[in-house]
Structure formats: structure tokens, C-alpha cells
Amino acid sequence: MASDLESLSEVIEPGVTGLLVPHDDPLAWRDALSFLRDHPEWRAKLGHNAREALVNRFSWKRRAEKILSGLKW
């Protein structure tokens, strides 16, 4: 779970790799935390998907491939 700031929304895919919450909405934060507390299957799913996405996107191997191919991050 993270705030919906631009840099974080580039990394987190809502409902797939995490939850994005309006940065200035405390009630939305409360609701998102309550949802995650009450739904352990979603916590596990989001955590698994986030780890897979990070490994695929930011692993040393992937970074080396991007550097060698001249692609931007």
C-alpha cells in the first residue's frame, strides 16, 4: 500500500501489485489498512505479485540487460 504520488504509481499496479491510496485522504488510508487486515488472501496475492514484478523489472540481470541494450529505466 502506498500513496498515489506519481513516482509510486509508476511502480505499483493497483489491485495487482499493491494498493494506491490518495495521499491526502486519511479515511481512504484507514479503509485500505482495514481491507488488508481483514483479507489475508489479498495481502498474500499482492505481496506475491509485487515481489514477482520487482524481480522481473529490477533484478540485477534485468538492469544489466537494459544497460547493455541502451534502454531507459
PDB file of N, CA and C in Angstrom:
ATOM      1  N   MET A   1       0.850  -1.161   0.000  1.00  0.00           N
ATOM      2  CA  MET A   1       0.000   0.000   0.000  1.00  0.00           C
ATOM      3  C   MET A   1       0.899   1.228   0.000  1.00  0.00           C
ATOM      4  N   ALA A   2       0.532   2.173  -0.811  1.00  0.00           N
ATOM      5  CA  ALA A   2       1.319   3.397  -0.914  1.00  0.00           C
ATOM      6  C   ALA A   2       0.408   4.549  -1.323  1.00  0.00           C
ATOM      7  N   SER A   3       0.925   5.756  -1.174  1.00  0.00           N
ATOM      8  CA  SER A   3       0.147   6.912  -1.611  1.00  0.00           C
ATOM      9  C   SER A   3       0.172   6.996  -3.133  1.00  0.00           C
ATOM     10  N   ASP A   4      -0.750   7.720  -3.674  1.00  0.00           N
ATOM     11  CA  ASP A   4      -0.906   7.798  -5.125  1.00  0.00           C
ATOM     12  C   ASP A   4       0.008   8.837  -5.777  1.00  0.00           C
ATOM     13  N   LEU A   5       1.107   9.146  -5.151  1.00  0.00           N
ATOM     14  CA  LEU A   5       2.056  10.080  -5.750  1.00  0.00           C
ATOM     15  C   LEU A   5       2.609   9.493  -7.041  1.00  0.00           C
ATOM     16  N   GLU A   6       2.954  10.345  -7.963  1.00  0.00           N
ATOM     17  CA  GLU A   6       3.324   9.911  -9.309  1.00  0.00           C
ATOM     18  C   GLU A   6       4.419   8.851  -9.324  1.00  0.00           C
ATOM     19  N   SER A   7       5.474   9.065  -8.590  1.00  0.00           N
ATOM     20  CA  SER A   7       6.586   8.118  -8.636  1.00  0.00           C
ATOM     21  C   SER A   7       6.183   6.738  -8.115  1.00  0.00           C
ATOM     22  N   LEU A   8       5.315   6.685  -7.119  1.00  0.00           N
ATOM     23  CA  LEU A   8       4.871   5.396  -6.590  1.00  0.00           C
ATOM     24  C   LEU A   8       3.872   4.726  -7.516  1.00  0.00           C
ATOM     25  N   SER A   9       3.055   5.515  -8.170  1.00  0.00           N
ATOM     26  CA  SER A   9       2.070   4.934  -9.082  1.00  0.00           C
ATOM     27  C   SER A   9       2.724   4.367 -10.340  1.00  0.00           C
ATOM     28  N   GLU A  10       3.973   4.706 -10.579  1.00  0.00           N
ATOM     29  CA  GLU A  10       4.699   4.118 -11.694  1.00  0.00           C
ATOM     30  C   GLU A  10       5.178   2.706 -11.358  1.00  0.00           C
ATOM     31  N   VAL A  11       5.276   2.406 -10.078  1.00  0.00           N
ATOM     32  CA  VAL A  11       5.793   1.117  -9.628  1.00  0.00           C
ATOM     33  C   VAL A  11       4.667   0.163  -9.233  1.00  0.00           C
ATOM     34  N   ILE A  12       3.615   0.689  -8.645  1.00  0.00           N
ATOM     35  CA  ILE A  12       2.529  -0.137  -8.136  1.00  0.00           C
ATOM     36  C   ILE A  12       1.369  -0.150  -9.118  1.00  0.00           C
ATOM     37  N   GLU A  13       0.926  -1.345  -9.461  1.00  0.00           N
ATOM     38  CA  GLU A  13      -0.255  -1.513 -10.296  1.00  0.00           C
ATOM     39  C   GLU A  13      -1.427  -1.799  -9.362  1.00  0.00           C
ATOM     40  N   PRO A  14      -2.350  -0.856  -9.227  1.00  0.00           N
ATOM     41  CA  PRO A  14      -3.432  -1.000  -8.249  1.00  0.00           C
ATOM     42  C   PRO A  14      -4.210  -2.311  -8.404  1.00  0.00           C
ATOM     43  N   GLY A  15      -4.366  -2.989  -7.282  1.00  0.00           N
ATOM     44  CA  GLY A  15      -5.108  -4.235  -7.265  1.00  0.00           C
ATOM     45  C   GLY A  15      -4.332  -5.440  -7.764  1.00  0.00           C
ATOM     46  N   VAL A  16      -3.116  -5.199  -8.269  1.00  0.00           N
ATOM     47  CA  VAL A  16      -2.288  -6.296  -8.773  1.00  0.00           C
ATOM     48  C   VAL A  16      -1.027  -6.434  -7.928  1.00  0.00           C
ATOM     49  N   THR A  17      -0.277  -5.344  -7.786  1.00  0.00           N
ATOM     50  CA  THR A  17       0.961  -5.386  -7.000  1.00  0.00           C
ATOM     51  C   THR A  17       0.862  -4.555  -5.724  1.00  0.00           C
ATOM     52  N   GLY A  18      -0.286  -3.989  -5.462  1.00  0.00           N
ATOM     53  CA  GLY A  18      -0.469  -3.198  -4.245  1.00  0.00           C
ATOM     54  C   GLY A  18      -1.723  -2.357  -4.322  1.00  0.00           C
ATOM     55  N   LEU A  19      -1.880  -1.523  -3.339  1.00  0.00           N
ATOM     56  CA  LEU A  19      -2.999  -0.595  -3.296  1.00  0.00           C
ATOM     57  C   LEU A  19      -2.450   0.818  -3.299  1.00  0.00           C
ATOM     58  N   LEU A  20      -3.058   1.681  -4.070  1.00  0.00           N
ATOM     59  CA  LEU A  20      -2.700   3.095  -4.065  1.00  0.00           C
ATOM     60  C   LEU A  20      -3.816   3.864  -3.374  1.00  0.00           C
ATOM     61  N   VAL A  21      -3.413   4.740  -2.471  1.00  0.00           N
ATOM     62  CA  VAL A  21      -4.369   5.491  -1.662  1.00  0.00           C
ATOM     63  C   VAL A  21      -4.094   6.979  -1.850  1.00  0.00           C
ATOM     64  N   PRO A  22      -5.134   7.792  -1.978  1.00  0.00           N
ATOM     65  CA  PRO A  22      -4.911   9.237  -2.086  1.00  0.00           C
ATOM     66  C   PRO A  22      -4.071   9.740  -0.908  1.00  0.00           C
ATOM     67  N   HIS A  23      -3.018  10.456  -1.226  1.00  0.00           N
ATOM     68  CA  HIS A  23      -2.066  10.864  -0.196  1.00  0.00           C
ATOM     69  C   HIS A  23      -2.680  11.792   0.851  1.00  0.00           C
ATOM     70  N   ASP A  24      -3.750  12.447   0.518  1.00  0.00           N
ATOM     71  CA  ASP A  24      -4.325  13.433   1.438  1.00  0.00           C
ATOM     72  C   ASP A  24      -5.689  13.007   1.989  1.00  0.00           C
ATOM     73  N   ASP A  25      -5.939  11.694   2.006  1.00  0.00           N
ATOM     74  CA  ASP A  25      -7.243  11.193   2.443  1.00  0.00           C
ATOM     75  C   ASP A  25      -7.072  10.165   3.560  1.00  0.00           C
ATOM     76  N   PRO A  26      -7.067  10.618   4.817  1.00  0.00           N
ATOM     77  CA  PRO A  26      -6.849   9.688   5.931  1.00  0.00           C
ATOM     78  C   PRO A  26      -7.905   8.590   6.015  1.00  0.00           C
ATOM     79  N   LEU A  27      -9.129   8.874   5.608  1.00  0.00           N
ATOM     80  CA  LEU A  27     -10.168   7.844   5.655  1.00  0.00           C
ATOM     81  C   LEU A  27      -9.900   6.738   4.631  1.00  0.00           C
ATOM     82  N   ALA A  28      -9.369   7.112   3.493  1.00  0.00           N
ATOM     83  CA  ALA A  28      -9.007   6.108   2.486  1.00  0.00           C
ATOM     84  C   ALA A  28      -7.871   5.223   2.994  1.00  0.00           C
ATOM     85  N   TRP A  29      -6.911   5.822   3.708  1.00  0.00           N
ATOM     86  CA  TRP A  29      -5.827   5.044   4.310  1.00  0.00           C
ATOM     87  C   TRP A  29      -6.387   4.061   5.327  1.00  0.00           C
ATOM     88  N   ARG A  30      -7.295   4.549   6.162  1.00  0.00           N
ATOM     89  CA  ARG A  30      -7.917   3.679   7.162  1.00  0.00           C
ATOM     90  C   ARG A  30      -8.637   2.527   6.491  1.00  0.00           C
ATOM     91  N   ASP A  31      -9.398   2.828   5.459  1.00  0.00           N
ATOM     92  CA  ASP A  31     -10.159   1.789   4.764  1.00  0.00           C
ATOM     93  C   ASP A  31      -9.247   0.763   4.098  1.00  0.00           C
ATOM     94  N   ALA A  32      -8.170   1.233   3.482  1.00  0.00           N
ATOM     95  CA  ALA A  32      -7.231   0.315   2.823  1.00  0.00           C
ATOM     96  C   ALA A  32      -6.539  -0.583   3.840  1.00  0.00           C
ATOM     97  N   LEU A  33      -6.125   0.001   4.960  1.00  0.00           N
ATOM     98  CA  LEU A  33      -5.494  -0.800   6.012  1.00  0.00           C
ATOM     99  C   LEU A  33      -6.476  -1.824   6.579  1.00  0.00           C
ATOM    100  N   SER A  34      -7.703  -1.411   6.777  1.00  0.00           N
ATOM    101  CA  SER A  34      -8.727  -2.333   7.282  1.00  0.00           C
ATOM    102  C   SER A  34      -8.962  -3.467   6.292  1.00  0.00           C
ATOM    103  N   PHE A  35      -9.003  -3.129   5.011  1.00  0.00           N
ATOM    104  CA  PHE A  35      -9.195  -4.152   3.984  1.00  0.00           C
ATOM    105  C   PHE A  35      -8.067  -5.178   4.029  1.00  0.00           C
ATOM    106  N   LEU A  36      -6.838  -4.697   4.082  1.00  0.00           N
ATOM    107  CA  LEU A  36      -5.703  -5.616   4.121  1.00  0.00           C
ATOM    108  C   LEU A  36      -5.690  -6.439   5.410  1.00  0.00           C
ATOM    109  N   ARG A  37      -6.069  -5.825   6.515  1.00  0.00           N
ATOM    110  CA  ARG A  37      -6.140  -6.556   7.783  1.00  0.00           C
ATOM    111  C   ARG A  37      -7.159  -7.689   7.698  1.00  0.00           C
ATOM    112  N   ASP A  38      -8.295  -7.411   7.063  1.00  0.00           N
ATOM    113  CA  ASP A  38      -9.406  -8.359   7.030  1.00  0.00           C
ATOM    114  C   ASP A  38      -9.329  -9.377   5.898  1.00  0.00           C
ATOM    115  N   HIS A  39      -8.400  -9.201   4.974  1.00  0.00           N
ATOM    116  CA  HIS A  39      -8.311 -10.089   3.808  1.00  0.00           C
ATOM    117  C   HIS A  39      -6.883 -10.611   3.617  1.00  0.00           C
ATOM    118  N   PRO A  40      -6.500 -11.581   4.414  1.00  0.00           N
ATOM    119  CA  PRO A  40      -5.126 -12.094   4.308  1.00  0.00           C
ATOM    120  C   PRO A  40      -4.815 -12.683   2.935  1.00  0.00           C
ATOM    121  N   GLU A  41      -5.833 -13.192   2.238  1.00  0.00           N
ATOM    122  CA  GLU A  41      -5.582 -13.750   0.908  1.00  0.00           C
ATOM    123  C   GLU A  41      -5.157 -12.646  -0.066  1.00  0.00           C
ATOM    124  N   TRP A  42      -5.720 -11.453   0.085  1.00  0.00           N
ATOM    125  CA  TRP A  42      -5.309 -10.324  -0.751  1.00  0.00           C
ATOM    126  C   TRP A  42      -3.909  -9.853  -0.387  1.00  0.00           C
ATOM    127  N   ARG A  43      -3.600  -9.832   0.911  1.00  0.00           N
ATOM    128  CA  ARG A  43      -2.229  -9.458   1.326  1.00  0.00           C
ATOM    129  C   ARG A  43      -1.227 -10.391   0.666  1.00  0.00           C
ATOM    130  N   ALA A  44      -1.520 -11.690   0.715  1.00  0.00           N
ATOM    131  CA  ALA A  44      -0.604 -12.674   0.132  1.00  0.00           C
ATOM    132  C   ALA A  44      -0.500 -12.494  -1.383  1.00  0.00           C
ATOM    133  N   LYS A  45      -1.640 -12.310  -2.044  1.00  0.00           N
ATOM    134  CA  LYS A  45      -1.661 -12.149  -3.503  1.00  0.00           C
ATOM    135  C   LYS A  45      -0.883 -10.910  -3.929  1.00  0.00           C
ATOM    136  N   LEU A  46      -1.172  -9.776  -3.286  1.00  0.00           N
ATOM    137  CA  LEU A  46      -0.483  -8.532  -3.639  1.00  0.00           C
ATOM    138  C   LEU A  46       1.014  -8.643  -3.359  1.00  0.00           C
ATOM    139  N   GLY A  47       1.365  -9.236  -2.226  1.00  0.00           N
ATOM    140  CA  GLY A  47       2.779  -9.404  -1.888  1.00  0.00           C
ATOM    141  C   GLY A  47       3.509 -10.277  -2.890  1.00  0.00           C
ATOM    142  N   HIS A  48       2.885 -11.380  -3.263  1.00  0.00           N
ATOM    143  CA  HIS A  48       3.494 -12.283  -4.244  1.00  0.00           C
ATOM    144  C   HIS A  48       3.675 -11.571  -5.584  1.00  0.00           C
ATOM    145  N   ASN A  49       2.611 -10.913  -6.055  1.00  0.00           N
ATOM    146  CA  ASN A  49       2.682 -10.212  -7.339  1.00  0.00           C
ATOM    147  C   ASN A  49       3.720  -9.089  -7.320  1.00  0.00           C
ATOM    148  N   ALA A  50       3.797  -8.372  -6.213  1.00  0.00           N
ATOM    149  CA  ALA A  50       4.771  -7.276  -6.107  1.00  0.00           C
ATOM    150  C   ALA A  50       6.190  -7.812  -6.166  1.00  0.00           C
ATOM    151  N   ARG A  51       6.435  -8.905  -5.467  1.00  0.00           N
ATOM    152  CA  ARG A  51       7.780  -9.479  -5.485  1.00  0.00           C
ATOM    153  C   ARG A  51       8.154  -9.934  -6.894  1.00  0.00           C
ATOM    154  N   GLU A  52       7.234 -10.622  -7.560  1.00  0.00           N
ATOM    155  CA  GLU A  52       7.492 -11.081  -8.927  1.00  0.00           C
ATOM    156  C   GLU A  52       7.766  -9.900  -9.863  1.00  0.00           C
ATOM    157  N   ALA A  53       6.977  -8.852  -9.742  1.00  0.00           N
ATOM    158  CA  ALA A  53       7.165  -7.680 -10.598  1.00  0.00           C
ATOM    159  C   ALA A  53       8.516  -7.027 -10.344  1.00  0.00           C
ATOM    160  N   LEU A  54       8.893  -6.914  -9.083  1.00  0.00           N
ATOM    161  CA  LEU A  54      10.176  -6.290  -8.769  1.00  0.00           C
ATOM    162  C   LEU A  54      11.345  -7.128  -9.249  1.00  0.00           C
ATOM    163  N   VAL A  55      11.255  -8.426  -9.057  1.00  0.00           N
ATOM    164  CA  VAL A  55      12.330  -9.302  -9.524  1.00  0.00           C
ATOM    165  C   VAL A  55      12.453  -9.210 -11.041  1.00  0.00           C
ATOM    166  N   ASN A  56      11.320  -9.233 -11.737  1.00  0.00           N
ATOM    167  CA  ASN A  56      11.352  -9.178 -13.199  1.00  0.00           C
ATOM    168  C   ASN A  56      11.797  -7.816 -13.726  1.00  0.00           C
ATOM    169  N   ARG A  57      11.436  -6.770 -13.023  1.00  0.00           N
ATOM    170  CA  ARG A  57      11.726  -5.429 -13.526  1.00  0.00           C
ATOM    171  C   ARG A  57      13.048  -4.858 -13.025  1.00  0.00           C
ATOM    172  N   PHE A  58      13.434  -5.197 -11.791  1.00  0.00           N
ATOM    173  CA  PHE A  58      14.586  -4.535 -11.184  1.00  0.00           C
ATOM    174  C   PHE A  58      15.703  -5.479 -10.765  1.00  0.00           C
ATOM    175  N   SER A  59      15.690  -6.719 -11.203  1.00  0.00           N
ATOM    176  CA  SER A  59      16.770  -7.633 -10.841  1.00  0.00           C
ATOM    177  C   SER A  59      18.077  -7.146 -11.468  1.00  0.00           C
ATOM    178  N   TRP A  60      19.186  -7.620 -10.933  1.00  0.00           N
ATOM    179  CA  TRP A  60      20.482  -7.238 -11.487  1.00  0.00           C
ATOM    180  C   TRP A  60      20.592  -7.682 -12.940  1.00  0.00           C
ATOM    181  N   LYS A  61      20.055  -8.858 -13.220  1.00  0.00           N
ATOM    182  CA  LYS A  61      20.094  -9.346 -14.599  1.00  0.00           C
ATOM    183  C   LYS A  61      19.314  -8.402 -15.519  1.00  0.00           C
ATOM    184  N   ARG A  62      18.127  -8.008 -15.107  1.00  0.00           N
ATOM    185  CA  ARG A  62      17.297  -7.117 -15.926  1.00  0.00           C
ATOM    186  C   ARG A  62      17.958  -5.755 -16.091  1.00  0.00           C
ATOM    187  N   ARG A  63      18.544  -5.256 -15.000  1.00  0.00           N
ATOM    188  CA  ARG A  63      19.233  -3.962 -15.086  1.00  0.00           C
ATOM    189  C   ARG A  63      20.398  -4.043 -16.063  1.00  0.00           C
ATOM    190  N   ALA A  64      21.161  -5.131 -15.999  1.00  0.00           N
ATOM    191  CA  ALA A  64      22.295  -5.300 -16.907  1.00  0.00           C
ATOM    192  C   ALA A  64      21.819  -5.365 -18.356  1.00  0.00           C
ATOM    193  N   GLU A  65      20.718  -6.078 -18.587  1.00  0.00           N
ATOM    194  CA  GLU A  65      20.166  -6.150 -19.943  1.00  0.00           C
ATOM    195  C   GLU A  65      19.796  -4.763 -20.465  1.00  0.00           C
ATOM    196  N   LYS A  66      19.186  -3.958 -19.598  1.00  0.00           N
ATOM    197  CA  LYS A  66      18.792  -2.609 -20.017  1.00  0.00           C
ATOM    198  C   LYS A  66      20.009  -1.744 -20.308  1.00  0.00           C
ATOM    199  N   ILE A  67      21.007  -1.834 -19.468  1.00  0.00           N
ATOM    200  CA  ILE A  67      22.224  -1.045 -19.674  1.00  0.00           C
ATOM    201  C   ILE A  67      22.887  -1.447 -20.990  1.00  0.00           C
ATOM    202  N   LEU A  68      22.998  -2.742 -21.198  1.00  0.00           N
ATOM    203  CA  LEU A  68      23.670  -3.227 -22.408  1.00  0.00           C
ATOM    204  C   LEU A  68      22.875  -2.906 -23.671  1.00  0.00           C
ATOM    205  N   SER A  69      21.568  -2.827 -23.552  1.00  0.00           N
ATOM    206  CA  SER A  69      20.762  -2.521 -24.732  1.00  0.00           C
ATOM    207  C   SER A  69      20.527  -1.035 -24.915  1.00  0.00           C
ATOM    208  N   GLY A  70      20.952  -0.221 -23.931  1.00  0.00           N
ATOM    209  CA  GLY A  70      20.804   1.222 -24.033  1.00  0.00           C
ATOM    210  C   GLY A  70      19.418   1.729 -23.747  1.00  0.00           C
ATOM    211  N   LEU A  71      18.561   0.903 -23.161  1.00  0.00           N
ATOM    212  CA  LEU A  71      17.203   1.321 -22.846  1.00  0.00           C
ATOM    213  C   LEU A  71      17.171   2.187 -21.603  1.00  0.00           C
ATOM    214  N   LYS A  72      16.151   3.047 -21.515  1.00  0.00           N
ATOM    215  CA  LYS A  72      15.942   3.837 -20.309  1.00  0.00           C
ATOM    216  C   LYS A  72      15.317   2.975 -19.237  1.00  0.00           C
ATOM    217  N   TRP A  73      15.429   3.409 -17.988  1.00  0.00           N
ATOM    218  CA  TRP A  73      14.826   2.680 -16.865  1.00  0.00           C
ATOM    219  C   TRP A  73      13.359   2.842 -16.968  1.00  0.00           C
TER     220      TRP A  73
END
